[in-house]
Amino acid sequence: VGGSRVLGRRSPPLQALSRHRFGLNPAGQALELEDASSGGSLAGGGAMAEGERGEVYISSDPQDASIIKGFKLNYMNMRDASTGQVMWESPADWTSKFFVEELEAHVPKALLNCKEVSREVNFSSVEKMDEFKLLQKVFFQGKCLEEWFFKFGFVMPDSTNQWQSTIEAAAEMIPAEILSGNVTIETNFFDGRRLLAKSLVRVFYD
């Protein structure tokens, strides 16, 4: 998985840049992460249970829940990396629903034709995070097909931050008609090894 770097830490907004390729984490490179509310560990890269599609979740640990309470998704968009054209933007109501319910993303089919997609996320945080990172799991018809790991790093308290990632498309893509409505993306939010929350988005290709 590609690395990332943080720019302009002296004053908000912060910006992190990272580059990734579609594909499962290689065997033997599991991510050792922790669910503070249960005390258990979470390992990325392993096989998922049949019928799994992801979930919406907030940690019951008071410290972790406080971080999520002060976290706000301002907007997210996806662009054709070669032209900079915005292909999709998150609806305004996502801000209040992000960690509450399964969301829907209606994405144009043309996005699947892009060789590279640039994703921009703008978020605010009331609380400090020492090592903010995401683990995204892509489920298709009940099976986890891909996992992507994104590392942002330090988040200052009371800051607004911008995060850009570039994702390269796979050589062969499943047709949009088959993917549409059958793909869910679970995003796991971490501070270091501590699991803070999960969001879930069902993707439709219109």
N, C-alpha and C. Protein backbone atom coordinates (compact mmCIF):
# COMPACT_ATOMS: atom_id res chain seq x y z
N VAL A 1 0.85 -1.18 0.00
CA VAL A 1 0.00 0.00 0.00
C VAL A 1 0.88 1.22 0.00
N GLY A 2 0.52 2.25 -0.76
CA GLY A 2 1.33 3.44 -0.88
C GLY A 2 1.36 4.22 0.42
N GLY A 3 2.41 5.01 0.61
CA GLY A 3 2.55 5.81 1.80
C GLY A 3 1.83 7.13 1.67
N SER A 4 1.96 7.97 2.68
CA SER A 4 1.33 9.28 2.65
C SER A 4 2.23 10.29 3.34
N ARG A 5 2.01 11.58 3.06
CA ARG A 5 2.76 12.60 3.74
C ARG A 5 1.82 13.74 4.10
N VAL A 6 2.11 14.39 5.20
CA VAL A 6 1.26 15.48 5.67
C VAL A 6 1.96 16.80 5.37
N LEU A 7 1.22 17.74 4.82
CA LEU A 7 1.77 19.03 4.44
C LEU A 7 1.19 20.14 5.32
N GLY A 8 2.00 21.13 5.67
CA GLY A 8 1.52 22.34 6.31
C GLY A 8 0.97 22.12 7.70
N ARG A 9 1.68 21.42 8.56
CA ARG A 9 1.15 21.13 9.89
C ARG A 9 1.10 22.35 10.79
N ARG A 10 1.77 23.44 10.45
CA ARG A 10 1.82 24.58 11.35
C ARG A 10 0.48 25.29 11.49
N SER A 11 -0.36 25.22 10.49
CA SER A 11 -1.66 25.88 10.58
C SER A 11 -2.66 25.14 9.72
N PRO A 12 -3.95 25.06 10.15
CA PRO A 12 -4.98 24.39 9.36
C PRO A 12 -5.29 25.22 8.14
N PRO A 13 -5.83 24.65 7.02
CA PRO A 13 -6.14 23.23 6.92
C PRO A 13 -4.92 22.38 6.63
N LEU A 14 -4.93 21.17 7.14
CA LEU A 14 -3.87 20.22 6.84
C LEU A 14 -4.23 19.45 5.58
N GLN A 15 -3.23 18.90 4.93
CA GLN A 15 -3.49 18.13 3.72
C GLN A 15 -2.58 16.92 3.69
N ALA A 16 -3.14 15.76 3.45
CA ALA A 16 -2.34 14.55 3.30
C ALA A 16 -2.53 14.01 1.89
N LEU A 17 -1.47 13.51 1.31
CA LEU A 17 -1.52 12.95 -0.03
C LEU A 17 -1.11 11.48 0.05
N SER A 18 -1.84 10.61 -0.61
CA SER A 18 -1.45 9.20 -0.63
C SER A 18 -1.85 8.58 -1.96
N ARG A 19 -1.22 7.45 -2.29
CA ARG A 19 -1.45 6.81 -3.57
C ARG A 19 -1.65 5.32 -3.33
N HIS A 20 -2.65 4.74 -3.96
CA HIS A 20 -3.00 3.34 -3.72
C HIS A 20 -3.41 2.65 -5.02
N ARG A 21 -3.37 1.35 -4.98
CA ARG A 21 -3.81 0.54 -6.11
C ARG A 21 -4.90 -0.39 -5.63
N PHE A 22 -5.94 -0.60 -6.46
CA PHE A 22 -6.98 -1.56 -6.09
C PHE A 22 -6.35 -2.91 -5.83
N GLY A 23 -6.82 -3.62 -4.81
CA GLY A 23 -6.34 -4.97 -4.57
C GLY A 23 -6.36 -5.32 -3.10
N LEU A 24 -6.42 -6.59 -2.79
CA LEU A 24 -6.42 -7.05 -1.42
C LEU A 24 -5.05 -6.88 -0.80
N ASN A 25 -5.01 -6.67 0.53
CA ASN A 25 -3.74 -6.67 1.22
C ASN A 25 -3.09 -8.04 1.04
N PRO A 26 -1.78 -8.11 0.76
CA PRO A 26 -1.11 -9.40 0.59
C PRO A 26 -1.22 -10.25 1.84
N ALA A 27 -1.28 -11.55 1.64
CA ALA A 27 -1.35 -12.48 2.77
C ALA A 27 -0.13 -12.29 3.65
N GLY A 28 -0.34 -12.39 4.95
CA GLY A 28 0.77 -12.26 5.87
C GLY A 28 1.07 -10.83 6.27
N GLN A 29 0.31 -9.85 5.75
CA GLN A 29 0.53 -8.46 6.10
C GLN A 29 -0.71 -7.91 6.80
N ALA A 30 -1.24 -8.68 7.74
CA ALA A 30 -2.44 -8.27 8.47
C ALA A 30 -2.16 -7.03 9.30
N LEU A 31 -3.14 -6.15 9.43
CA LEU A 31 -3.03 -4.94 10.22
C LEU A 31 -3.48 -5.24 11.64
N GLU A 32 -2.59 -5.04 12.62
CA GLU A 32 -2.94 -5.30 14.01
C GLU A 32 -3.55 -4.04 14.61
N LEU A 33 -4.87 -4.04 14.76
CA LEU A 33 -5.60 -2.89 15.26
C LEU A 33 -6.50 -3.33 16.39
N GLU A 34 -6.95 -2.37 17.19
CA GLU A 34 -7.62 -2.71 18.44
C GLU A 34 -8.98 -2.04 18.56
N ASP A 35 -9.95 -2.79 19.05
CA ASP A 35 -11.26 -2.25 19.39
C ASP A 35 -11.26 -1.97 20.88
N ALA A 36 -11.15 -0.69 21.27
CA ALA A 36 -11.02 -0.34 22.68
C ALA A 36 -12.24 -0.72 23.49
N SER A 37 -13.43 -0.68 22.89
CA SER A 37 -14.65 -0.95 23.64
C SER A 37 -14.79 -2.42 24.02
N SER A 38 -14.14 -3.30 23.24
CA SER A 38 -14.24 -4.73 23.54
C SER A 38 -12.92 -5.30 24.03
N GLY A 39 -11.82 -4.57 23.80
CA GLY A 39 -10.52 -5.08 24.20
C GLY A 39 -9.94 -6.07 23.24
N GLY A 40 -10.66 -6.38 22.15
CA GLY A 40 -10.19 -7.36 21.17
C GLY A 40 -9.34 -6.72 20.10
N SER A 41 -8.72 -7.55 19.28
CA SER A 41 -7.89 -7.04 18.20
C SER A 41 -8.60 -7.26 16.87
N LEU A 42 -8.26 -6.43 15.89
CA LEU A 42 -8.83 -6.51 14.56
C LEU A 42 -7.69 -6.72 13.59
N ALA A 43 -7.83 -7.68 12.70
CA ALA A 43 -6.76 -7.95 11.73
C ALA A 43 -7.29 -7.77 10.33
N GLY A 44 -6.68 -6.86 9.58
CA GLY A 44 -7.06 -6.67 8.19
C GLY A 44 -6.33 -7.69 7.34
N GLY A 45 -6.87 -7.98 6.16
CA GLY A 45 -6.18 -8.86 5.23
C GLY A 45 -6.67 -10.29 5.29
N GLY A 46 -7.52 -10.64 6.27
CA GLY A 46 -8.00 -12.00 6.38
C GLY A 46 -9.29 -12.20 5.62
N ALA A 47 -9.73 -13.45 5.50
CA ALA A 47 -10.97 -13.76 4.81
C ALA A 47 -12.16 -13.32 5.66
N MET A 48 -13.20 -12.87 5.02
CA MET A 48 -14.39 -12.41 5.72
C MET A 48 -15.49 -13.46 5.68
N ALA A 49 -16.37 -13.40 6.65
CA ALA A 49 -17.44 -14.38 6.73
C ALA A 49 -18.41 -14.23 5.57
N GLU A 50 -18.94 -15.34 5.11
CA GLU A 50 -19.92 -15.37 4.03
C GLU A 50 -21.13 -14.52 4.42
N GLY A 51 -21.57 -13.67 3.53
CA GLY A 51 -22.75 -12.87 3.77
C GLY A 51 -22.48 -11.55 4.46
N GLU A 52 -21.23 -11.24 4.77
CA GLU A 52 -20.90 -10.00 5.45
C GLU A 52 -20.98 -8.83 4.47
N ARG A 53 -21.48 -7.68 4.96
CA ARG A 53 -21.59 -6.49 4.11
C ARG A 53 -21.08 -5.24 4.79
N GLY A 54 -20.57 -5.36 6.02
CA GLY A 54 -20.10 -4.22 6.77
C GLY A 54 -21.15 -3.73 7.74
N GLU A 55 -20.80 -2.71 8.55
CA GLU A 55 -21.72 -2.21 9.56
C GLU A 55 -21.40 -0.75 9.90
N VAL A 56 -22.39 -0.10 10.54
CA VAL A 56 -22.20 1.23 11.11
C VAL A 56 -21.96 1.04 12.60
N TYR A 57 -20.97 1.75 13.15
CA TYR A 57 -20.56 1.46 14.53
C TYR A 57 -19.86 2.67 15.13
N ILE A 58 -20.08 2.91 16.42
CA ILE A 58 -19.32 3.89 17.20
C ILE A 58 -18.85 3.21 18.47
N SER A 59 -17.59 3.37 18.80
CA SER A 59 -17.02 2.76 20.00
C SER A 59 -17.75 3.24 21.25
N SER A 60 -17.93 2.34 22.20
CA SER A 60 -18.56 2.70 23.47
C SER A 60 -17.55 3.27 24.47
N ASP A 61 -16.28 3.24 24.12
CA ASP A 61 -15.26 3.83 24.98
C ASP A 61 -15.46 5.35 25.01
N PRO A 62 -15.57 5.97 26.18
CA PRO A 62 -15.87 7.41 26.27
C PRO A 62 -14.89 8.30 25.52
N GLN A 63 -13.60 7.99 25.59
CA GLN A 63 -12.60 8.80 24.91
C GLN A 63 -12.76 8.72 23.39
N ASP A 64 -12.97 7.52 22.89
CA ASP A 64 -13.13 7.31 21.45
C ASP A 64 -14.42 7.96 20.96
N ALA A 65 -15.50 7.80 21.73
CA ALA A 65 -16.79 8.37 21.35
C ALA A 65 -16.72 9.89 21.31
N SER A 66 -15.91 10.48 22.20
CA SER A 66 -15.74 11.93 22.22
C SER A 66 -15.05 12.42 20.95
N ILE A 67 -14.08 11.65 20.45
CA ILE A 67 -13.40 12.01 19.20
C ILE A 67 -14.39 12.01 18.04
N ILE A 68 -15.23 10.97 17.97
CA ILE A 68 -16.20 10.88 16.89
C ILE A 68 -17.27 11.95 17.00
N LYS A 69 -17.67 12.29 18.22
CA LYS A 69 -18.66 13.35 18.40
C LYS A 69 -18.16 14.67 17.83
N GLY A 70 -16.85 14.90 17.93
CA GLY A 70 -16.27 16.14 17.43
C GLY A 70 -15.75 16.05 16.01
N PHE A 71 -16.00 14.90 15.35
CA PHE A 71 -15.53 14.70 13.97
C PHE A 71 -16.64 15.06 13.00
N LYS A 72 -16.32 15.82 11.96
CA LYS A 72 -17.32 16.22 10.97
C LYS A 72 -16.78 16.06 9.56
N LEU A 73 -17.50 15.31 8.75
CA LEU A 73 -17.18 15.22 7.32
C LEU A 73 -17.79 16.45 6.64
N ASN A 74 -16.95 17.34 6.16
CA ASN A 74 -17.46 18.55 5.50
C ASN A 74 -17.88 18.24 4.06
N TYR A 75 -17.04 17.53 3.33
CA TYR A 75 -17.41 17.08 1.99
C TYR A 75 -16.40 16.04 1.50
N MET A 76 -16.81 15.31 0.49
CA MET A 76 -15.94 14.35 -0.17
C MET A 76 -16.27 14.38 -1.65
N ASN A 77 -15.25 14.28 -2.50
CA ASN A 77 -15.51 14.20 -3.93
C ASN A 77 -14.54 13.23 -4.59
N MET A 78 -14.88 12.82 -5.80
CA MET A 78 -14.03 11.95 -6.60
C MET A 78 -13.88 12.57 -7.98
N ARG A 79 -12.63 12.60 -8.46
CA ARG A 79 -12.32 13.22 -9.74
C ARG A 79 -11.61 12.24 -10.67
N ASP A 80 -11.74 12.49 -11.96
CA ASP A 80 -10.89 11.83 -12.94
C ASP A 80 -9.50 12.43 -12.75
N ALA A 81 -8.55 11.61 -12.28
CA ALA A 81 -7.23 12.14 -11.93
C ALA A 81 -6.50 12.75 -13.12
N SER A 82 -6.82 12.27 -14.33
CA SER A 82 -6.11 12.77 -15.52
C SER A 82 -6.61 14.13 -15.97
N THR A 83 -7.86 14.46 -15.68
CA THR A 83 -8.43 15.73 -16.14
C THR A 83 -8.80 16.68 -15.01
N GLY A 84 -8.95 16.14 -13.81
CA GLY A 84 -9.38 16.95 -12.68
C GLY A 84 -10.88 17.16 -12.61
N GLN A 85 -11.63 16.57 -13.56
CA GLN A 85 -13.09 16.74 -13.59
C GLN A 85 -13.73 16.04 -12.40
N VAL A 86 -14.59 16.77 -11.68
CA VAL A 86 -15.32 16.18 -10.56
C VAL A 86 -16.40 15.24 -11.10
N MET A 87 -16.33 13.98 -10.70
CA MET A 87 -17.28 12.98 -11.16
C MET A 87 -18.40 12.73 -10.15
N TRP A 88 -18.10 12.97 -8.87
CA TRP A 88 -19.09 12.71 -7.81
C TRP A 88 -18.76 13.55 -6.60
N GLU A 89 -19.82 14.03 -5.91
CA GLU A 89 -19.68 14.76 -4.66
C GLU A 89 -20.65 14.20 -3.63
N SER A 90 -20.25 14.18 -2.39
CA SER A 90 -21.11 13.65 -1.34
C SER A 90 -22.30 14.58 -1.09
N PRO A 91 -23.48 14.02 -0.85
CA PRO A 91 -24.67 14.84 -0.53
C PRO A 91 -24.47 15.61 0.77
N ALA A 92 -25.12 16.74 0.89
CA ALA A 92 -24.97 17.59 2.08
C ALA A 92 -25.42 16.90 3.35
N ASP A 93 -26.43 16.00 3.26
CA ASP A 93 -26.96 15.38 4.48
C ASP A 93 -26.07 14.26 5.03
N TRP A 94 -24.98 13.92 4.33
CA TRP A 94 -24.07 12.92 4.85
C TRP A 94 -23.45 13.35 6.18
N THR A 95 -23.26 14.65 6.36
CA THR A 95 -22.60 15.16 7.56
C THR A 95 -23.28 14.68 8.83
N SER A 96 -24.60 14.71 8.86
CA SER A 96 -25.34 14.33 10.07
C SER A 96 -25.63 12.83 10.16
N LYS A 97 -25.46 12.10 9.06
CA LYS A 97 -25.84 10.68 9.02
C LYS A 97 -24.64 9.73 8.99
N PHE A 98 -23.44 10.28 8.94
CA PHE A 98 -22.26 9.48 8.59
C PHE A 98 -22.04 8.27 9.49
N PHE A 99 -22.22 8.42 10.79
CA PHE A 99 -22.01 7.31 11.72
C PHE A 99 -23.32 6.83 12.33
N VAL A 100 -24.43 7.10 11.62
CA VAL A 100 -25.76 6.78 12.14
C VAL A 100 -26.43 5.67 11.34
N GLU A 101 -26.29 5.69 10.02
CA GLU A 101 -27.01 4.74 9.17
C GLU A 101 -26.22 4.43 7.90
N GLU A 102 -26.65 3.37 7.21
CA GLU A 102 -26.05 3.05 5.91
C GLU A 102 -26.43 4.15 4.92
N LEU A 103 -25.43 4.65 4.18
CA LEU A 103 -25.63 5.73 3.22
C LEU A 103 -25.62 5.19 1.81
N GLU A 104 -26.10 5.99 0.87
CA GLU A 104 -26.08 5.63 -0.54
C GLU A 104 -25.25 6.63 -1.33
N ALA A 105 -24.40 6.11 -2.21
CA ALA A 105 -23.63 6.94 -3.13
C ALA A 105 -24.05 6.59 -4.55
N HIS A 106 -24.59 7.55 -5.27
CA HIS A 106 -24.98 7.35 -6.66
C HIS A 106 -23.89 7.95 -7.55
N VAL A 107 -23.09 7.05 -8.11
CA VAL A 107 -21.87 7.43 -8.84
C VAL A 107 -22.09 7.19 -10.34
N PRO A 108 -21.62 8.09 -11.20
CA PRO A 108 -21.77 7.86 -12.64
C PRO A 108 -20.94 6.67 -13.11
N LYS A 109 -21.51 5.91 -14.04
CA LYS A 109 -20.80 4.74 -14.57
C LYS A 109 -19.45 5.11 -15.17
N ALA A 110 -19.35 6.33 -15.69
CA ALA A 110 -18.12 6.77 -16.34
C ALA A 110 -16.92 6.74 -15.40
N LEU A 111 -17.17 6.75 -14.10
CA LEU A 111 -16.07 6.72 -13.14
C LEU A 111 -15.25 5.43 -13.28
N LEU A 112 -15.91 4.35 -13.67
CA LEU A 112 -15.23 3.06 -13.82
C LEU A 112 -14.30 3.04 -15.02
N ASN A 113 -14.45 4.01 -15.91
CA ASN A 113 -13.58 4.08 -17.08
C ASN A 113 -12.30 4.87 -16.82
N CYS A 114 -12.23 5.53 -15.67
CA CYS A 114 -11.04 6.32 -15.34
C CYS A 114 -9.88 5.39 -14.96
N LYS A 115 -8.69 5.67 -15.49
CA LYS A 115 -7.52 4.87 -15.15
C LYS A 115 -7.08 5.15 -13.72
N GLU A 116 -7.24 6.40 -13.29
CA GLU A 116 -6.93 6.79 -11.92
C GLU A 116 -8.03 7.72 -11.41
N VAL A 117 -8.40 7.51 -10.15
CA VAL A 117 -9.42 8.35 -9.52
C VAL A 117 -8.79 9.06 -8.33
N SER A 118 -8.99 10.37 -8.25
CA SER A 118 -8.50 11.16 -7.14
C SER A 118 -9.66 11.41 -6.17
N ARG A 119 -9.46 11.06 -4.91
CA ARG A 119 -10.49 11.26 -3.89
C ARG A 119 -10.04 12.35 -2.93
N GLU A 120 -10.92 13.32 -2.70
CA GLU A 120 -10.62 14.41 -1.78
C GLU A 120 -11.62 14.40 -0.64
N VAL A 121 -11.12 14.38 0.58
CA VAL A 121 -11.96 14.38 1.78
C VAL A 121 -11.59 15.61 2.61
N ASN A 122 -12.60 16.40 2.98
CA ASN A 122 -12.39 17.54 3.85
C ASN A 122 -13.13 17.28 5.16
N PHE A 123 -12.41 17.32 6.27
CA PHE A 123 -13.04 17.01 7.55
C PHE A 123 -12.52 17.95 8.64
N SER A 124 -13.32 18.08 9.68
CA SER A 124 -12.94 18.87 10.85
C SER A 124 -12.93 17.98 12.08
N SER A 125 -12.07 18.34 13.03
CA SER A 125 -11.98 17.56 14.27
C SER A 125 -11.80 18.49 15.45
N VAL A 126 -12.65 18.33 16.45
CA VAL A 126 -12.52 19.10 17.69
C VAL A 126 -11.38 18.55 18.53
N GLU A 127 -11.27 17.21 18.54
CA GLU A 127 -10.26 16.54 19.36
C GLU A 127 -8.98 16.28 18.57
N LYS A 128 -7.90 16.13 19.29
CA LYS A 128 -6.62 15.75 18.70
C LYS A 128 -6.61 14.26 18.39
N MET A 129 -5.99 13.88 17.29
CA MET A 129 -5.73 12.47 16.99
C MET A 129 -4.24 12.33 16.67
N ASP A 130 -3.59 11.39 17.32
CA ASP A 130 -2.14 11.23 17.14
C ASP A 130 -1.78 10.51 15.85
N GLU A 131 -2.62 9.55 15.46
CA GLU A 131 -2.29 8.74 14.27
C GLU A 131 -3.59 8.32 13.58
N PHE A 132 -4.18 9.26 12.89
CA PHE A 132 -5.46 9.01 12.22
C PHE A 132 -5.23 8.19 10.96
N LYS A 133 -6.03 7.11 10.80
CA LYS A 133 -5.93 6.27 9.62
C LYS A 133 -7.25 5.57 9.36
N LEU A 134 -7.39 5.09 8.14
CA LEU A 134 -8.61 4.41 7.72
C LEU A 134 -8.29 3.04 7.17
N LEU A 135 -9.18 2.10 7.42
CA LEU A 135 -9.15 0.80 6.76
C LEU A 135 -10.49 0.64 6.06
N GLN A 136 -10.48 0.58 4.73
CA GLN A 136 -11.72 0.44 3.96
C GLN A 136 -11.83 -0.98 3.42
N LYS A 137 -13.02 -1.56 3.62
CA LYS A 137 -13.31 -2.90 3.14
C LYS A 137 -14.42 -2.81 2.10
N VAL A 138 -14.19 -3.40 0.95
CA VAL A 138 -15.16 -3.37 -0.14
C VAL A 138 -15.83 -4.74 -0.22
N PHE A 139 -17.16 -4.75 0.01
CA PHE A 139 -17.92 -5.99 -0.02
C PHE A 139 -18.75 -6.06 -1.29
N PHE A 140 -18.78 -7.23 -1.90
CA PHE A 140 -19.59 -7.46 -3.09
C PHE A 140 -20.33 -8.78 -2.92
N GLN A 141 -21.66 -8.69 -2.89
CA GLN A 141 -22.51 -9.87 -2.73
C GLN A 141 -22.09 -10.72 -1.53
N GLY A 142 -21.83 -10.04 -0.40
CA GLY A 142 -21.55 -10.75 0.84
C GLY A 142 -20.12 -11.18 1.06
N LYS A 143 -19.20 -10.81 0.17
CA LYS A 143 -17.81 -11.20 0.35
C LYS A 143 -16.91 -9.97 0.26
N CYS A 144 -15.86 -9.95 1.08
CA CYS A 144 -14.90 -8.86 1.06
C CYS A 144 -13.92 -9.09 -0.09
N LEU A 145 -13.99 -8.22 -1.11
CA LEU A 145 -13.12 -8.37 -2.28
C LEU A 145 -11.82 -7.61 -2.16
N GLU A 146 -11.87 -6.45 -1.53
CA GLU A 146 -10.69 -5.60 -1.46
C GLU A 146 -10.59 -4.91 -0.11
N GLU A 147 -9.35 -4.59 0.28
CA GLU A 147 -9.10 -3.78 1.46
C GLU A 147 -8.07 -2.71 1.11
N TRP A 148 -8.36 -1.49 1.52
CA TRP A 148 -7.44 -0.38 1.27
C TRP A 148 -7.08 0.25 2.61
N PHE A 149 -5.81 0.58 2.80
CA PHE A 149 -5.35 1.19 4.04
C PHE A 149 -4.82 2.58 3.74
N PHE A 150 -5.34 3.61 4.44
CA PHE A 150 -4.94 5.00 4.24
C PHE A 150 -4.47 5.58 5.56
N LYS A 151 -3.30 6.19 5.57
CA LYS A 151 -2.76 6.79 6.79
C LYS A 151 -2.65 8.31 6.62
N PHE A 152 -3.30 9.05 7.51
CA PHE A 152 -3.22 10.51 7.50
C PHE A 152 -2.12 11.00 8.44
N GLY A 153 -2.16 10.55 9.70
CA GLY A 153 -1.18 10.97 10.68
C GLY A 153 -1.79 11.86 11.75
N PHE A 154 -1.03 12.84 12.20
CA PHE A 154 -1.45 13.70 13.31
C PHE A 154 -2.53 14.67 12.88
N VAL A 155 -3.57 14.80 13.73
CA VAL A 155 -4.65 15.76 13.50
C VAL A 155 -4.68 16.72 14.69
N MET A 156 -4.53 18.01 14.42
CA MET A 156 -4.54 19.01 15.48
C MET A 156 -5.96 19.21 16.01
N PRO A 157 -6.13 19.54 17.29
CA PRO A 157 -7.47 19.85 17.80
C PRO A 157 -8.01 21.12 17.16
N ASP A 158 -9.32 21.15 16.98
CA ASP A 158 -10.00 22.31 16.39
C ASP A 158 -9.40 22.69 15.04
N SER A 159 -9.22 21.69 14.19
CA SER A 159 -8.62 21.91 12.87
C SER A 159 -9.54 21.44 11.76
N THR A 160 -9.35 22.01 10.59
CA THR A 160 -10.00 21.55 9.37
C THR A 160 -8.91 21.01 8.46
N ASN A 161 -9.16 19.82 7.89
CA ASN A 161 -8.11 19.09 7.19
C ASN A 161 -8.59 18.62 5.83
N GLN A 162 -7.68 18.55 4.89
CA GLN A 162 -7.98 18.06 3.55
C GLN A 162 -7.09 16.87 3.24
N TRP A 163 -7.71 15.81 2.72
CA TRP A 163 -7.01 14.55 2.49
C TRP A 163 -7.26 14.12 1.05
N GLN A 164 -6.18 13.98 0.29
CA GLN A 164 -6.28 13.56 -1.10
C GLN A 164 -5.59 12.22 -1.30
N SER A 165 -6.27 11.33 -1.99
CA SER A 165 -5.72 10.00 -2.30
C SER A 165 -5.94 9.71 -3.77
N THR A 166 -4.99 9.03 -4.39
CA THR A 166 -5.13 8.61 -5.79
C THR A 166 -5.21 7.10 -5.84
N ILE A 167 -6.24 6.58 -6.50
CA ILE A 167 -6.46 5.14 -6.59
C ILE A 167 -6.40 4.72 -8.05
N GLU A 168 -5.56 3.74 -8.34
CA GLU A 168 -5.42 3.22 -9.70
C GLU A 168 -6.43 2.11 -9.94
N ALA A 169 -7.07 2.12 -11.08
CA ALA A 169 -8.07 1.10 -11.41
C ALA A 169 -7.41 -0.23 -11.74
N ALA A 170 -8.12 -1.30 -11.48
CA ALA A 170 -7.65 -2.63 -11.84
C ALA A 170 -7.70 -2.80 -13.35
N ALA A 171 -6.91 -3.75 -13.85
CA ALA A 171 -6.85 -3.99 -15.30
C ALA A 171 -8.20 -4.45 -15.84
N GLU A 172 -8.91 -5.25 -15.05
CA GLU A 172 -10.22 -5.75 -15.46
C GLU A 172 -11.25 -5.34 -14.41
N MET A 173 -12.35 -4.76 -14.87
CA MET A 173 -13.38 -4.27 -13.96
C MET A 173 -14.67 -5.07 -14.16
N ILE A 174 -15.37 -5.34 -13.06
CA ILE A 174 -16.69 -5.96 -13.13
C ILE A 174 -17.65 -4.93 -13.72
N PRO A 175 -18.54 -5.31 -14.63
CA PRO A 175 -19.47 -4.36 -15.24
C PRO A 175 -20.31 -3.60 -14.21
N ALA A 176 -20.59 -2.33 -14.52
CA ALA A 176 -21.35 -1.46 -13.61
C ALA A 176 -22.71 -2.04 -13.28
N GLU A 177 -23.35 -2.69 -14.26
CA GLU A 177 -24.69 -3.24 -14.06
C GLU A 177 -24.69 -4.31 -12.97
N ILE A 178 -23.59 -5.02 -12.83
CA ILE A 178 -23.49 -6.07 -11.82
C ILE A 178 -23.11 -5.48 -10.46
N LEU A 179 -22.24 -4.49 -10.48
CA LEU A 179 -21.78 -3.88 -9.24
C LEU A 179 -22.86 -3.04 -8.55
N SER A 180 -23.67 -2.35 -9.35
CA SER A 180 -24.60 -1.35 -8.82
C SER A 180 -25.56 -1.92 -7.78
N GLY A 181 -25.52 -1.35 -6.59
CA GLY A 181 -26.39 -1.77 -5.51
C GLY A 181 -25.91 -3.00 -4.76
N ASN A 182 -24.90 -3.67 -5.30
CA ASN A 182 -24.37 -4.89 -4.67
C ASN A 182 -23.04 -4.66 -3.98
N VAL A 183 -22.54 -3.43 -4.01
CA VAL A 183 -21.26 -3.10 -3.39
C VAL A 183 -21.50 -2.21 -2.17
N THR A 184 -20.91 -2.59 -1.04
CA THR A 184 -20.90 -1.73 0.15
C THR A 184 -19.45 -1.50 0.55
N ILE A 185 -19.18 -0.28 1.03
CA ILE A 185 -17.84 0.07 1.48
C ILE A 185 -17.90 0.44 2.95
N GLU A 186 -17.25 -0.36 3.76
CA GLU A 186 -17.16 -0.10 5.19
C GLU A 186 -15.84 0.61 5.47
N THR A 187 -15.92 1.79 6.10
CA THR A 187 -14.72 2.55 6.44
C THR A 187 -14.51 2.51 7.94
N ASN A 188 -13.37 1.96 8.36
CA ASN A 188 -13.01 1.86 9.77
C ASN A 188 -12.10 3.04 10.12
N PHE A 189 -12.48 3.81 11.13
CA PHE A 189 -11.73 5.00 11.55
C PHE A 189 -10.90 4.65 12.78
N PHE A 190 -9.60 4.90 12.70
CA PHE A 190 -8.69 4.56 13.79
C PHE A 190 -7.88 5.77 14.24
N ASP A 191 -7.55 5.79 15.52
CA ASP A 191 -6.49 6.64 16.04
C ASP A 191 -5.45 5.68 16.59
N GLY A 192 -4.36 5.52 15.87
CA GLY A 192 -3.39 4.49 16.23
C GLY A 192 -4.00 3.12 16.03
N ARG A 193 -4.00 2.30 17.08
CA ARG A 193 -4.57 0.96 17.00
C ARG A 193 -6.01 0.92 17.49
N ARG A 194 -6.55 2.05 17.91
CA ARG A 194 -7.87 2.09 18.52
C ARG A 194 -8.94 2.35 17.46
N LEU A 195 -9.92 1.45 17.40
CA LEU A 195 -11.05 1.61 16.49
C LEU A 195 -12.04 2.60 17.08
N LEU A 196 -12.26 3.71 16.37
CA LEU A 196 -13.17 4.75 16.84
C LEU A 196 -14.60 4.53 16.36
N ALA A 197 -14.74 4.22 15.07
CA ALA A 197 -16.08 4.12 14.48
C ALA A 197 -15.98 3.47 13.10
N LYS A 198 -17.17 3.13 12.56
CA LYS A 198 -17.27 2.61 11.19
C LYS A 198 -18.42 3.32 10.48
N SER A 199 -18.23 3.60 9.22
CA SER A 199 -19.33 4.09 8.37
C SER A 199 -19.55 3.07 7.26
N LEU A 200 -20.74 3.12 6.65
CA LEU A 200 -21.08 2.15 5.60
C LEU A 200 -21.80 2.85 4.47
N VAL A 201 -21.32 2.64 3.25
CA VAL A 201 -21.91 3.25 2.06
C VAL A 201 -22.22 2.18 1.03
N ARG A 202 -23.45 2.19 0.51
CA ARG A 202 -23.84 1.31 -0.61
C ARG A 202 -23.72 2.10 -1.90
N VAL A 203 -23.03 1.51 -2.87
CA VAL A 203 -22.70 2.23 -4.10
C VAL A 203 -23.61 1.81 -5.24
N PHE A 204 -24.18 2.81 -5.93
CA PHE A 204 -24.98 2.60 -7.12
C PHE A 204 -24.32 3.32 -8.29
N TYR A 205 -24.23 2.65 -9.43
CA TYR A 205 -23.64 3.25 -10.64
C TYR A 205 -24.77 3.62 -11.59
N ASP A 206 -25.02 4.91 -11.72
CA ASP A 206 -26.14 5.41 -12.52
C ASP A 206 -25.69 5.82 -13.93
